C-alpha atoms as a PDB file:
ATOM      1  CA  MET A   1       0.702   7.417  12.432  1.00  0.00           C
ATOM      2  CA  VAL A   2       2.742   4.226  12.658  1.00  0.00           C
ATOM      3  CA  LEU A   3       0.158   2.391  10.552  1.00  0.00           C
ATOM      4  CA  GLY A   4       0.596   4.942   7.766  1.00  0.00           C
ATOM      5  CA  ALA A   5       4.368   4.565   7.834  1.00  0.00           C
ATOM      6  CA  ASN A   6       4.074   0.782   7.750  1.00  0.00           C
ATOM      7  CA  LEU A   7       1.665   1.029   4.826  1.00  0.00           C
ATOM      8  CA  ALA A   8       4.113   3.204   2.900  1.00  0.00           C
ATOM      9  CA  ILE A   9       6.995   0.804   3.548  1.00  0.00           C
ATOM     10  CA  ALA A  10       4.906  -2.229   2.565  1.00  0.00           C
ATOM     11  CA  ALA A  11       3.763  -0.500  -0.625  1.00  0.00           C
ATOM     12  CA  ASP A  12       7.335   0.438  -1.515  1.00  0.00           C
ATOM     13  CA  LEU A  13       8.563  -3.107  -0.952  1.00  0.00           C
ATOM     14  CA  PHE A  14       5.694  -4.529  -2.999  1.00  0.00           C
ATOM     15  CA  ALA A  15       6.305  -2.016  -5.804  1.00  0.00           C
ATOM     16  CA  GLN A  16       9.920  -3.135  -6.111  1.00  0.00           C
ATOM     17  CA  LEU A  17       9.457  -6.893  -6.057  1.00  0.00           C
ATOM     18  CA  PRO A  18      12.712  -8.722  -6.684  1.00  0.00           C
ATOM     19  CA  GLY A  19      13.020 -10.508  -9.995  1.00  0.00           C
ATOM     20  CA  GLN A  20      11.003  -7.994 -12.011  1.00  0.00           C
ATOM     21  CA  GLN A  21      12.556  -5.657 -14.548  1.00  0.00           C
ATOM     22  CA  THR A  22      10.087  -2.829 -13.944  1.00  0.00           C
ATOM     23  CA  THR A  23       8.669  -1.275 -10.816  1.00  0.00           C
ATOM     24  CA  LEU A  24       5.038  -0.430 -10.205  1.00  0.00           C
ATOM     25  CA  PRO A  25       4.068   3.171  -9.483  1.00  0.00           C
ATOM     26  CA  LEU A  26       4.076   3.648  -5.717  1.00  0.00           C
ATOM     27  CA  ASN A  27       0.781   5.540  -5.655  1.00  0.00           C
ATOM     28  CA  THR A  28      -0.982   2.624  -7.361  1.00  0.00           C
ATOM     29  CA  VAL A  29       0.319   0.114  -4.846  1.00  0.00           C
ATOM     30  CA  THR A  30      -0.480   2.433  -1.931  1.00  0.00           C
ATOM     31  CA  SER A  31      -4.050   2.860  -3.099  1.00  0.00           C
ATOM     32  CA  LEU A  32      -4.505  -0.887  -3.609  1.00  0.00           C
ATOM     33  CA  LEU A  33      -3.301  -1.549  -0.070  1.00  0.00           C
ATOM     34  CA  GLY A  34      -5.025   1.449   1.530  1.00  0.00           C
ATOM     35  CA  VAL A  35      -8.534   1.195   0.091  1.00  0.00           C
ATOM     36  CA  PRO A  36      -9.498  -1.939   2.070  1.00  0.00           C
ATOM     37  CA  ILE A  37      -8.239  -0.308   5.267  1.00  0.00           C
ATOM     38  CA  VAL A  38     -10.239   2.881   4.667  1.00  0.00           C
ATOM     39  CA  LEU A  39     -13.365   0.944   3.723  1.00  0.00           C
ATOM     40  CA  GLY A  40     -13.033  -1.148   6.868  1.00  0.00           C
ATOM     41  CA  VAL A  41     -12.822   1.968   9.011  1.00  0.00           C
ATOM     42  CA  ILE A  42     -15.796   3.580   7.274  1.00  0.00           C
ATOM     43  CA  LEU A  43     -17.996   0.481   7.427  1.00  0.00           C
ATOM     44  CA  ARG A  44     -17.155  -0.176  11.073  1.00  0.00           C
ATOM     45  CA  LYS A  45     -18.664   3.144  12.208  1.00  0.00           C
END
């Protein structure tokens, strides 16, 4: 549960990088960060 919260916070921080005029959609950033984690869990089993 803590990993999910940390992922959401990291995605939000990455989506709102300082110095950029626009922000990235949060769901895009979350999926880009989450897919490697999910694939790692699936491939490990």
